[in-house]
Protein backbone atom coordinates (compact mmCIF):
# COMPACT_ATOMS: atom_id res chain seq x y z
CA MET A 1 32.28 21.97 4.45
CA LYS A 2 35.94 23.01 4.07
CA LEU A 3 36.47 26.74 3.56
CA VAL A 4 39.20 28.85 2.62
CA PHE A 5 39.59 32.46 2.30
CA PRO A 6 39.07 34.41 0.48
CA SER A 7 36.70 32.53 -1.59
CA HIS A 8 32.89 32.76 -3.08
CA GLU A 9 31.80 29.80 -0.74
CA PHE A 10 33.27 31.83 2.45
CA ASP A 11 31.31 34.74 1.16
CA GLU A 12 28.21 32.55 0.72
CA ALA A 13 28.44 30.85 4.13
CA VAL A 14 29.01 34.28 6.18
CA ALA A 15 26.17 36.03 4.04
CA GLY A 16 24.05 33.06 5.02
CA VAL A 17 24.87 33.55 8.59
CA CYS A 18 24.25 37.09 8.46
CA HIS A 19 20.36 36.70 7.14
CA GLY A 20 19.94 33.75 9.79
CA GLY A 21 20.00 30.96 6.97
CA ALA A 22 23.34 29.09 7.32
CA SER A 23 23.44 25.47 7.20
CA GLU A 24 25.39 23.60 10.27
CA GLU A 25 27.94 22.60 7.68
CA GLN A 26 28.57 26.24 6.66
CA VAL A 27 28.65 27.36 10.20
CA ARG A 28 30.91 24.30 11.11
CA GLY A 29 33.27 25.23 8.16
CA LEU A 30 33.78 28.87 9.46
CA ASN A 31 34.49 28.19 12.68
CA GLU A 32 37.35 25.65 11.51
CA LEU A 33 38.79 28.35 9.30
CA LEU A 34 38.61 30.96 12.02
CA ARG A 35 40.61 28.71 14.01
CA ALA A 36 43.09 28.00 11.68
CA ASP A 37 43.32 31.35 9.47
CA ALA A 38 44.89 34.14 11.12
CA ILE A 39 44.26 36.43 8.40
CA ALA A 40 40.35 35.32 8.02
CA ARG A 41 40.24 36.34 11.78
CA ASP A 42 41.23 39.86 10.86
CA GLU A 43 38.97 39.99 8.47
CA TYR A 44 36.31 38.89 10.57
CA ILE A 45 37.38 41.61 12.71
CA LEU A 46 37.03 43.88 10.14
CA ARG A 47 33.52 42.92 8.85
CA LEU A 48 32.10 42.67 12.91
CA GLU A 49 33.18 46.25 13.18
CA ILE A 50 31.53 47.15 10.16
CA HIS A 51 28.27 45.82 10.89
CA SER A 52 28.46 47.75 14.30
CA ARG A 53 28.97 50.74 12.73
CA LEU A 54 26.13 50.61 10.11
CA ALA A 55 23.55 48.98 12.91
CA SER A 56 24.80 51.98 15.34
CA ASN A 57 24.49 54.83 12.73
CA PRO A 58 21.76 54.43 10.01
CA ASP A 59 22.86 57.57 8.58
CA LEU A 60 26.27 56.55 7.67
CA PHE A 61 25.16 55.57 3.89
CA ALA A 62 23.68 58.85 3.48
CA SER A 63 26.42 61.13 4.92
CA ALA A 64 28.84 58.96 2.94
CA ILE A 65 26.74 59.23 -0.55
CA SER A 66 28.25 63.30 -1.12
CA ASP A 67 31.04 65.06 -2.81
CA GLU A 68 32.90 64.02 0.31
CA ALA A 69 32.48 60.53 0.20
CA ASN A 70 35.94 59.62 -0.36
CA THR A 71 37.32 61.21 2.90
CA VAL A 72 38.22 58.46 4.85
CA ALA A 73 38.07 58.23 8.87
CA LYS A 74 40.87 57.70 11.19
CA THR A 75 40.44 54.22 13.03
CA ASP A 76 42.39 52.01 15.38
CA GLY A 77 42.73 49.26 12.51
CA PHE A 78 40.40 46.91 14.15
CA ALA A 79 37.34 49.09 13.28
CA ARG A 80 37.90 49.49 9.62
CA PRO A 81 35.17 51.61 7.75
CA GLU A 82 37.68 53.12 5.12
CA ASN A 83 36.55 52.68 1.34
CA ILE A 84 33.43 51.31 2.36
CA LEU A 85 31.96 53.59 -0.39
CA ARG A 86 34.01 55.19 -3.49
CA LEU A 87 31.62 57.04 -5.19
CA PRO A 88 31.89 59.84 -7.91
CA ARG A 89 32.17 63.13 -6.85
CA ARG A 90 28.71 64.06 -8.98
CA VAL A 91 26.10 62.17 -8.97
CA ARG A 92 23.09 63.74 -10.82
CA HIS A 93 20.47 61.32 -10.52
CA ARG A 94 18.73 60.54 -7.57
CA LYS A 95 17.63 57.11 -8.65
CA LEU A 96 21.47 56.47 -9.42
CA ILE A 97 22.40 57.46 -5.74
CA TRP A 98 19.89 55.07 -4.37
CA ALA A 99 20.93 52.16 -6.57
CA LEU A 100 24.31 53.16 -5.58
CA ALA A 101 23.60 52.91 -1.74
CA LEU A 102 21.59 49.77 -2.31
CA ALA A 103 24.57 48.06 -4.18
CA ALA A 104 27.08 48.77 -1.64
CA CYS A 105 24.83 47.63 1.05
CA PHE A 106 24.43 44.37 -0.35
CA ALA A 107 27.98 44.32 -1.32
CA VAL A 108 28.83 44.54 2.30
CA ILE A 109 26.49 41.85 3.01
CA ALA A 110 27.85 39.26 0.15
CA ALA A 111 31.20 40.21 1.59
CA GLY A 112 30.10 38.53 4.51
CA TYR A 113 30.47 40.41 7.72
CA TRP A 114 29.30 38.77 10.91
CA GLY A 115 26.61 41.16 11.53
CA PHE A 116 24.11 38.98 13.21
CA GLN A 117 26.43 36.09 14.43
CA PRO A 118 27.29 37.02 18.00
CA ARG A 119 31.20 36.33 18.63
CA ARG A 120 32.33 34.19 21.31
CA THR A 121 33.19 35.76 24.19
CA VAL A 122 35.67 34.88 27.08
CA GLU A 123 32.84 35.63 29.33
CA GLN A 124 30.15 33.77 27.14
CA LYS A 125 26.93 33.24 28.62
CA GLY A 126 25.98 29.85 29.59
CA ALA A 127 29.34 28.96 29.77
CA VAL A 128 30.05 25.61 31.56
CA SER A 129 32.81 23.67 33.77
CA LYS A 130 33.78 20.38 34.61
CA ALA A 131 36.14 21.27 37.38
CA ILE A 132 35.95 19.76 40.63
CA ALA A 133 39.05 21.55 42.52
CA MET A 134 41.38 24.07 42.30
CA LEU A 135 45.39 24.23 42.54
CA ASN A 136 45.72 26.53 45.71
CA ARG A 137 49.68 26.35 46.94
CA THR A 138 52.96 24.68 46.05
CA VAL A 139 56.08 24.74 47.01
CA ASP A 140 58.75 23.75 44.37
CA ALA A 141 56.41 21.54 42.69
CA GLN A 142 57.54 19.60 40.03
CA TRP A 143 54.76 18.02 37.57
CA ASN A 144 55.52 15.08 35.27
CA PRO A 145 55.57 16.38 32.05
CA SER A 146 54.31 14.05 30.04
CA GLY A 147 51.01 14.32 31.97
CA GLU A 148 48.39 16.69 33.19
CA MET A 149 50.50 20.27 34.74
CA PRO A 150 47.96 22.12 36.61
CA ARG A 151 48.52 26.01 36.85
CA LEU A 152 48.57 27.77 40.28
CA GLY A 153 45.12 29.06 41.04
CA THR A 154 43.63 27.49 37.70
CA PRO A 155 40.33 24.92 37.99
CA ILE A 156 41.40 21.34 37.98
CA ASP A 157 39.00 18.74 36.16
CA ALA A 158 38.51 15.10 37.13
CA GLY A 159 41.71 13.23 35.87
CA LYS A 160 45.22 11.63 36.82
CA LEU A 161 47.86 13.85 38.53
CA ARG A 162 51.59 13.23 38.98
CA LEU A 163 53.53 15.19 41.48
CA GLU A 164 57.12 14.29 41.09
CA SER A 165 58.65 16.53 43.61
CA GLY A 166 57.80 19.14 45.98
CA LEU A 167 54.32 20.11 47.79
CA ALA A 168 50.83 20.91 46.29
CA GLN A 169 47.80 21.78 48.05
CA ILE A 170 44.39 21.19 46.13
CA VAL A 171 40.92 22.54 47.07
CA PHE A 172 37.92 20.52 46.29
CA TYR A 173 34.53 22.75 45.71
CA SER A 174 33.00 20.10 48.65
CA GLY A 175 35.71 22.50 50.87
CA ALA A 176 37.93 19.47 51.49
CA ARG A 177 41.49 19.89 50.89
CA ILE A 178 44.55 17.71 50.35
CA VAL A 179 48.51 18.43 50.51
CA ILE A 180 50.14 16.02 48.76
CA GLU A 181 54.23 15.47 48.44
CA GLY A 182 55.78 14.05 45.43
CA PRO A 183 56.60 11.79 44.33
CA ALA A 184 52.90 11.21 44.39
CA GLN A 185 50.30 9.60 41.94
CA LEU A 186 46.89 10.34 42.69
CA GLU A 187 43.30 10.49 40.65
CA LEU A 188 40.74 13.19 41.09
CA VAL A 189 37.45 11.28 41.01
CA SER A 190 34.98 13.96 41.74
CA GLN A 191 34.05 17.18 44.55
CA THR A 192 33.92 14.28 47.31
CA GLU A 193 36.43 11.49 46.14
CA VAL A 194 40.21 11.33 45.73
CA ALA A 195 42.36 7.88 44.88
CA LEU A 196 45.65 8.17 46.15
CA ASN A 197 47.72 5.19 43.98
CA SER A 198 51.40 6.16 45.63
CA GLY A 199 52.65 8.83 48.03
CA ARG A 200 51.58 10.91 50.98
CA LEU A 201 49.09 13.15 51.23
CA THR A 202 47.28 14.99 54.47
CA ALA A 203 43.67 16.09 54.18
CA GLU A 204 41.41 18.57 55.98
CA VAL A 205 37.81 17.54 55.77
CA PRO A 206 35.30 20.11 57.31
CA PRO A 207 32.02 19.74 58.44
CA GLN A 208 30.61 20.71 55.25
CA ALA A 209 32.75 18.40 53.26
CA ARG A 210 31.31 15.45 55.64
CA GLY A 211 31.80 11.91 54.02
CA PHE A 212 34.74 12.96 51.73
CA LEU A 213 36.07 9.67 50.55
CA ILE A 214 39.89 8.77 49.81
CA ARG A 215 40.60 5.53 48.05
CA THR A 216 43.86 3.39 48.47
CA ALA A 217 44.45 -0.25 46.95
CA GLN A 218 43.93 -1.27 50.32
CA GLY A 219 40.65 0.42 51.30
CA LYS A 220 38.77 3.29 51.34
CA MET A 221 38.69 5.87 54.00
CA THR A 222 35.43 8.26 54.96
CA GLY A 223 36.07 11.72 56.75
CA LEU A 224 33.88 12.66 59.47
CA GLY A 225 34.91 16.30 59.81
CA THR A 226 38.70 15.40 60.35
CA SER A 227 42.26 15.66 59.62
CA VAL A 228 44.44 12.83 58.68
CA GLY A 229 47.72 11.75 57.01
CA LEU A 230 48.41 8.65 54.70
CA ASP A 231 51.07 7.35 53.38
CA VAL A 232 50.79 4.57 50.42
CA LYS A 233 53.69 2.54 49.08
CA ASN A 234 53.70 -0.66 47.15
CA ASP A 235 51.05 -2.73 48.57
CA LEU A 236 50.89 -0.76 52.12
CA THR A 237 48.76 2.13 53.34
CA GLU A 238 49.42 3.56 56.64
CA LEU A 239 46.23 6.09 58.05
CA HIS A 240 46.88 8.68 60.93
CA VAL A 241 43.69 10.29 61.91
CA PHE A 242 45.17 13.83 63.64
CA LYS A 243 41.31 15.00 64.23
CA GLY A 244 37.95 13.90 64.48
CA SER A 245 37.07 10.38 63.44
CA VAL A 246 37.29 8.01 60.16
CA GLU A 247 35.89 4.90 59.11
CA PHE A 248 38.32 2.72 57.26
CA GLN A 249 36.82 -0.04 54.91
CA PRO A 250 39.29 -2.74 54.20
CA SER A 251 39.36 -3.97 50.24
CA ALA A 252 39.71 -7.59 51.56
CA ASN A 253 36.01 -7.95 52.74
CA ARG A 254 37.28 -7.30 56.13
CA ALA A 255 35.32 -5.77 58.90
CA MET A 256 34.92 -1.67 59.03
CA GLN A 257 37.12 0.08 61.39
CA ARG A 258 36.09 3.03 63.08
CA LEU A 259 39.62 5.13 64.07
CA GLN A 260 39.22 7.94 66.69
CA GLU A 261 41.36 10.94 66.83
CA GLY A 262 45.16 10.02 67.83
CA GLY A 263 44.78 6.37 66.35
CA GLY A 264 45.54 4.86 62.90
CA VAL A 265 45.90 1.60 60.90
CA VAL A 266 48.25 -0.02 58.49
CA ALA A 267 46.47 -2.32 55.80
CA GLU A 268 49.05 -4.51 54.24
CA GLY A 269 48.20 -7.07 51.42
CA SER A 270 46.13 -9.74 52.77
CA ARG A 271 47.75 -9.66 56.14
CA ALA A 272 45.53 -8.65 59.12
CA LEU A 273 45.11 -4.78 60.03
CA ARG A 274 47.58 -3.45 62.22
CA LEU A 275 46.33 -0.82 64.85
CA ILE A 276 48.88 2.17 65.34
CA ALA A 277 49.22 5.45 67.23
CA ALA A 278 49.09 8.91 64.94
CA ASN A 279 52.39 10.42 64.18
CA LEU A 280 52.08 13.90 63.54
CA ALA A 281 55.92 14.35 63.14
CA GLU A 282 55.66 12.28 59.87
CA PHE A 283 53.49 14.61 58.29
CA ALA A 284 55.19 17.84 59.55
CA SER A 285 56.59 18.95 56.34
CA LEU A 286 52.88 18.72 54.73
CA PHE A 287 51.24 20.90 57.63
CA ASP A 288 53.91 23.38 57.24
CA LEU A 289 53.19 24.06 53.41
CA GLN A 290 51.60 27.47 54.06
CA ALA A 291 54.51 28.96 55.85
CA LYS A 292 57.05 27.23 53.41
CA SER A 293 54.77 28.64 50.57
CA LEU A 294 54.87 32.46 51.87
CA ALA A 295 58.75 32.03 52.77
CA ALA A 296 59.16 30.56 49.35
CA GLU A 297 57.44 33.63 47.44
CA ALA A 298 59.04 36.43 49.67
CA GLN A 299 62.30 34.94 48.36
CA HIS A 300 61.38 34.88 45.07
CA TYR A 301 60.27 38.28 45.16
CA GLU A 302 63.81 39.58 46.81
CA GLN A 303 65.60 37.73 43.77
CA TRP A 304 63.29 39.47 41.43
CA ARG A 305 64.44 42.88 42.76
CA THR A 306 68.15 41.87 42.25
CA VAL A 307 67.08 40.78 38.68
CA ASN A 308 65.27 44.06 38.23
CA GLY A 309 68.12 46.23 38.84
CA GLN A 310 70.38 44.55 36.31
CA LEU A 311 67.26 44.86 33.95
CA ASN A 312 67.34 48.51 34.46
CA ARG A 313 70.51 48.52 33.13
CA ASP A 314 69.67 47.37 29.69
CA PRO A 315 70.47 50.52 27.14
CA SER A 316 67.53 49.19 25.27
CA LEU A 317 64.89 49.43 28.09
CA LEU A 318 62.93 52.64 27.28
CA VAL A 319 60.40 52.72 29.91
CA HIS A 320 60.13 50.52 33.27
CA LEU A 321 57.29 50.78 35.28
CA ASP A 322 57.79 48.17 38.23
CA PHE A 323 55.32 49.75 40.63
CA GLU A 324 57.95 49.48 43.38
CA ASN A 325 58.20 52.50 46.02
CA ALA A 326 55.43 54.54 45.30
CA ALA A 327 53.41 55.76 48.15
CA PRO A 328 49.72 54.87 48.27
CA SER A 329 48.81 58.94 47.79
CA ASP A 330 51.24 59.43 44.82
CA TRP A 331 50.07 60.12 41.73
CA ARG A 332 53.11 59.35 39.82
CA ILE A 333 55.05 56.19 38.83
CA HIS A 334 58.64 56.49 38.85
CA ASP A 335 60.13 54.97 35.56
CA SER A 336 63.17 52.84 36.67
CA ALA A 337 64.55 52.81 33.28
CA ASN A 338 64.95 56.84 33.07
CA ARG A 339 68.20 58.09 32.22
CA GLY A 340 67.63 61.36 31.06
CA GLY A 341 66.42 60.54 27.75
CA GLY A 342 63.47 62.56 27.77
CA ILE A 343 60.96 60.21 28.95
CA SER A 344 59.09 61.25 32.12
CA ASP A 345 57.72 59.44 35.19
CA ALA A 346 54.13 58.17 34.30
CA THR A 347 50.75 59.72 35.57
CA ILE A 348 47.89 57.97 37.06
CA VAL A 349 44.25 58.75 36.71
CA GLY A 350 41.78 57.01 38.60
CA CYS A 351 43.54 53.94 39.37
CA GLN A 352 43.87 52.30 42.64
CA TRP A 353 46.58 50.46 44.43
CA THR A 354 46.11 46.73 45.02
CA THR A 355 48.36 43.61 45.78
CA GLY A 356 50.44 42.38 43.36
CA ARG A 357 52.08 38.99 42.15
CA TRP A 358 53.61 38.37 45.81
CA PRO A 359 52.68 39.51 49.25
CA GLY A 360 54.29 43.18 49.62
CA LYS A 361 54.25 43.60 45.87
CA ARG A 362 52.29 46.39 44.64
CA ALA A 363 50.53 46.87 41.71
CA LEU A 364 47.96 49.19 39.84
CA GLU A 365 44.10 48.23 39.63
CA PHE A 366 41.96 49.46 36.46
CA GLN A 367 38.29 49.18 37.07
CA SER A 368 36.54 52.06 35.48
CA VAL A 369 36.49 54.16 32.09
CA SER A 370 38.37 56.66 33.50
CA ASP A 371 41.11 54.68 34.97
CA ARG A 372 44.56 55.07 32.83
CA VAL A 373 48.14 55.66 33.13
CA ARG A 374 49.46 58.51 30.99
CA LEU A 375 53.06 58.31 29.51
CA THR A 376 55.21 60.01 26.86
CA VAL A 377 57.90 58.40 24.93
CA PRO A 378 59.52 60.51 22.33
CA GLY A 379 61.47 59.14 19.25
CA GLU A 380 61.42 57.01 16.15
CA PHE A 381 62.21 53.04 16.67
CA ASN A 382 63.37 50.57 14.28
CA SER A 383 61.88 47.84 16.73
CA LEU A 384 59.99 47.70 19.73
CA THR A 385 58.94 45.22 22.25
CA ILE A 386 56.45 45.57 25.08
CA ALA A 387 55.50 43.44 28.07
CA ALA A 388 53.39 43.66 30.85
CA TRP A 389 52.47 41.46 33.74
CA VAL A 390 48.50 41.68 34.05
CA ARG A 391 45.68 40.23 36.00
CA VAL A 392 42.54 39.97 33.56
CA GLN A 393 39.25 40.53 35.62
CA GLY A 394 37.04 40.23 32.53
CA VAL A 395 37.00 41.28 28.70
CA ASP A 396 33.29 42.67 28.36
CA ARG A 397 33.58 44.96 25.57
CA PRO A 398 34.83 44.46 22.25
CA PHE A 399 38.13 45.93 22.29
CA ASN A 400 40.26 45.94 25.81
CA SER A 401 43.14 48.35 26.07
CA LEU A 402 46.40 47.38 27.39
CA PHE A 403 48.72 50.04 25.71
CA MET A 404 47.51 52.61 23.26
CA CYS A 405 49.08 55.63 21.46
CA ASP A 406 47.18 58.76 21.40
CA GLY A 407 44.88 58.74 18.35
CA PHE A 408 46.53 56.79 15.23
CA GLU A 409 49.30 58.77 13.41
CA PRO A 410 51.76 56.97 11.12
CA GLY A 411 53.91 54.33 12.69
CA GLU A 412 52.12 54.51 16.24
CA ILE A 413 50.54 51.26 18.04
CA HIS A 414 47.15 49.84 19.59
CA TRP A 415 47.47 46.89 21.88
CA MET A 416 44.64 45.23 23.09
CA ILE A 417 42.46 42.20 24.27
CA LEU A 418 39.53 41.47 21.98
CA ASN A 419 36.62 39.77 23.96
CA ASP A 420 37.02 36.71 22.36
CA GLY A 421 40.46 36.41 24.21
CA ASP A 422 42.39 37.23 21.06
CA LEU A 423 45.64 39.46 21.46
CA GLY A 424 45.27 42.29 19.09
CA LEU A 425 48.00 44.66 17.90
CA THR A 426 47.50 47.58 14.85
CA VAL A 427 50.33 49.09 13.45
CA LYS A 428 49.52 52.36 11.31
CA GLY A 429 50.98 52.67 8.18
CA PRO A 430 52.58 56.21 6.81
CA ASP A 431 49.20 56.66 4.74
CA SER A 432 45.44 57.37 5.45
CA GLY A 433 43.81 53.88 5.50
CA ASN A 434 47.29 52.01 5.52
CA PHE A 435 47.79 49.71 8.81
CA GLN A 436 48.19 46.13 9.35
CA VAL A 437 45.86 44.12 11.86
CA LEU A 438 48.28 41.67 13.61
CA SER A 439 45.63 39.20 15.99
CA SER A 440 46.77 35.58 17.93
CA PRO A 441 44.14 33.07 18.56
CA PRO A 442 42.26 32.92 21.53
CA GLU A 443 44.64 33.19 24.65
CA LEU A 444 42.72 35.03 27.31
CA THR A 445 40.63 32.05 28.00
CA LEU A 446 38.38 31.07 31.15
CA ASP A 447 41.04 29.69 33.05
CA ARG A 448 43.13 32.61 32.97
CA LEU A 449 40.72 34.96 34.15
CA GLY A 450 41.89 36.23 37.95
CA LEU A 451 45.90 35.05 37.36
CA TRP A 452 48.95 36.54 36.67
CA VAL A 453 49.98 36.17 32.97
CA HIS A 454 52.88 37.70 31.60
CA LEU A 455 52.06 39.54 27.62
CA ALA A 456 54.36 40.78 25.27
CA PHE A 457 55.11 41.32 21.43
CA VAL A 458 57.64 42.19 19.43
CA LEU A 459 57.53 44.33 16.30
CA ASP A 460 60.96 43.53 14.50
CA GLY A 461 61.85 46.04 11.99
CA ASN A 462 64.83 44.13 10.73
CA THR A 463 63.15 40.86 9.81
CA LYS A 464 59.87 42.15 9.37
CA ARG A 465 58.23 40.04 11.83
CA ALA A 466 55.63 40.47 14.59
CA ILE A 467 55.23 38.15 17.35
CA HIS A 468 53.13 37.94 20.43
CA TYR A 469 54.00 36.11 23.26
CA VAL A 470 51.81 34.62 26.47
CA ASN A 471 53.89 33.51 29.56
CA GLY A 472 57.10 33.70 27.81
CA ARG A 473 56.10 31.52 24.68
CA PRO A 474 55.45 32.72 21.37
CA VAL A 475 51.83 32.07 20.44
CA SER A 476 51.60 34.01 16.93
CA GLU A 477 54.00 34.97 14.30
CA ARG A 478 53.10 37.34 11.48
CA ALA A 479 55.21 38.70 8.53
CA LEU A 480 55.15 42.47 9.25
CA ARG A 481 54.30 44.47 5.85
CA LEU A 482 54.49 48.03 7.21
CA ASP A 483 58.16 49.63 7.32
CA PRO A 484 59.75 51.31 10.54
CA PRO A 485 60.22 53.87 12.13
CA PHE A 486 57.77 53.09 14.70
CA ARG A 487 56.21 55.45 17.08
CA ILE A 488 54.77 55.95 20.80
CA GLY A 489 54.51 59.38 21.64
CA GLU A 490 51.55 59.92 24.20
CA ALA A 491 50.17 57.15 25.28
CA GLU A 492 48.02 55.19 27.92
CA LEU A 493 48.18 52.27 29.61
CA GLY A 494 44.54 50.48 30.22
CA ASN A 495 42.72 53.13 28.45
CA TRP A 496 42.79 54.97 25.30
CA ASN A 497 42.83 58.74 24.93
CA ALA A 498 40.82 59.51 21.42
CA GLY A 499 43.35 62.30 20.40
CA ALA A 500 43.19 62.78 16.58
CA PHE A 501 39.83 61.15 16.75
CA ALA A 502 38.08 63.71 18.70
CA GLY A 503 34.88 64.79 17.26
CA GLY A 504 34.44 61.55 15.51
CA PRO A 505 32.28 58.13 16.56
CA ASP A 506 35.69 56.66 17.96
CA ALA A 507 35.93 59.52 20.55
CA PHE A 508 33.87 58.14 22.46
CA ARG A 509 34.01 54.25 22.07
CA ILE A 510 34.90 52.76 25.56
CA ARG A 511 37.90 50.27 25.53
CA ASN A 512 39.34 50.50 29.22
CA PHE A 513 41.08 47.48 30.88
CA SER A 514 39.38 45.71 33.70
CA GLY A 515 42.26 44.14 35.71
CA ALA A 516 45.32 45.12 37.25
CA MET A 517 48.71 45.49 36.09
CA ASP A 518 51.81 44.67 37.87
CA GLU A 519 55.13 45.66 35.54
CA PHE A 520 55.30 47.64 32.08
CA CYS A 521 58.43 47.72 29.87
CA LEU A 522 59.40 49.15 26.69
CA PHE A 523 62.27 48.16 25.03
CA SER A 524 63.49 49.97 21.74
CA ARG A 525 64.94 46.45 20.21
CA ALA A 526 63.39 43.33 19.37
CA LEU A 527 63.96 40.78 22.31
CA SER A 528 64.74 36.96 21.23
CA ASP A 529 62.65 34.00 22.70
CA MET A 530 65.18 33.11 24.79
CA GLU A 531 65.04 36.52 26.64
CA MET A 532 61.48 37.13 26.63
CA PHE A 533 61.28 33.47 28.31
CA ARG A 534 64.03 34.51 30.77
CA LEU A 535 61.91 38.10 31.30
CA TYR A 536 59.02 35.86 32.34
CA SER A 537 60.71 33.14 34.33
CA GLU A 538 62.29 35.58 36.39
CA GLY A 539 59.24 37.53 37.21
CA ARG A 540 56.17 34.78 37.43
CA PRO A 541 54.74 34.71 40.76
CA GLY A 542 54.56 30.68 41.25
CA LEU A 543 57.18 28.52 41.97
CA ASP A 544 54.99 25.80 40.16
CA PHE A 545 56.50 26.54 36.50
CA GLN A 546 53.43 27.41 35.47
CA ASP A 547 52.39 27.50 31.93
CA ALA A 548 56.07 26.97 31.40
CA LYS A 549 55.90 23.49 29.35
């Protein structure tokens, strides 16, 4: 079943889900629609929250059926209860009251809010992974752009890899680890097996990974708690044993060779095996991976500091929290872009300092409902750009705050991550109940948890566009219905102060961020796609150009 929104079929399908009687065809149609239609996703969010409120507050309808039924509570946009009921001021008959209430209940159900259908969350119970290894370290790694391009720190499934140049270390779940040097082509077969088609690698096989198998066209090597080097080119395999012992079985039905530490062998086509002495110097560049990686990271950190100084001279940069030069006991974060425009340093509440994108770089860790950073940005703006480097540990709440204005006054914004990995942005309009929800497809997926990710959005009041960015790339663009000016005022990173919601149910809603933040930028203009990619690429922590396809 192919669904469109809005439609009667959409309403019936969601109503069936609510009653637990939706067919597989209806559920499949709903899933396809929500993946493809941003407006339908927004409506999905709205109806989920309506159900959440009704389920948690059974007196909602009773309180709504009163002379003040038309008074609408302020919300952050993702919770949209306004105008659920629009009743006349004078309802004279109790029977009519109950009829209207009952009709409203059925209207909400018929509208298809996802009351009894749990949302897919990033940390979904029962989630599975086919990964067999992870990319641990790189130095100047350039992967084949037409094939698989693993990202630093991410899990890797079985499959073929092609490294054009540089060095990369892959750690298998069995405990074995290999370092490859480009150009190289290989296939990850399982947790205990890899096939090297061409190129050079070193392998460390600890006792826990005993029996780890490396195949080439000329034979297969089984490690016995060992350290080895392999060089494969054309129809030749050269094996060096630096530690322990290995068993090498040639492909041409010849006898297996047991090689000890300091020994090696050359297998070339149908020729007889030739024994050699292990040459550690030949593989020195691969063994130096860790030192090279640390040196490259330190160099990149210094380059970012230089670029950072240039960025701070941008006259449109209102706030720049780079988390540099702060004492561990300091509860303030210096605004590097502060040029006397009435923006004061930010204040830390409850957060702890942790390691940032590079060794020696600092970041703030957000863990509890108390953790937040307070800041004030006066003024009105025709356009805004906000960007942050974050390391998300989990999104176990419906709404996980990134940057939220206190309360929800006209022109103010709420930026958050939803629990299915969507990026959510709500912009408040000039009137009560007037706002726009701008969400992206799921971007904070399981493979990005625990990694440094660059998130950003642009509100362009001139072209009336709103764009979400992830790692320098636009992932969602929507037409902006609301006119500027936009405002910030009192606001928070990583949490939310209810402000104008005091006394209402939203005043107690938990939205805290779980993870770390390394850098935060707020511009009073709309950055271009090129500028956004430059902002990301100049600050990315890995040197493997991760996510930059």
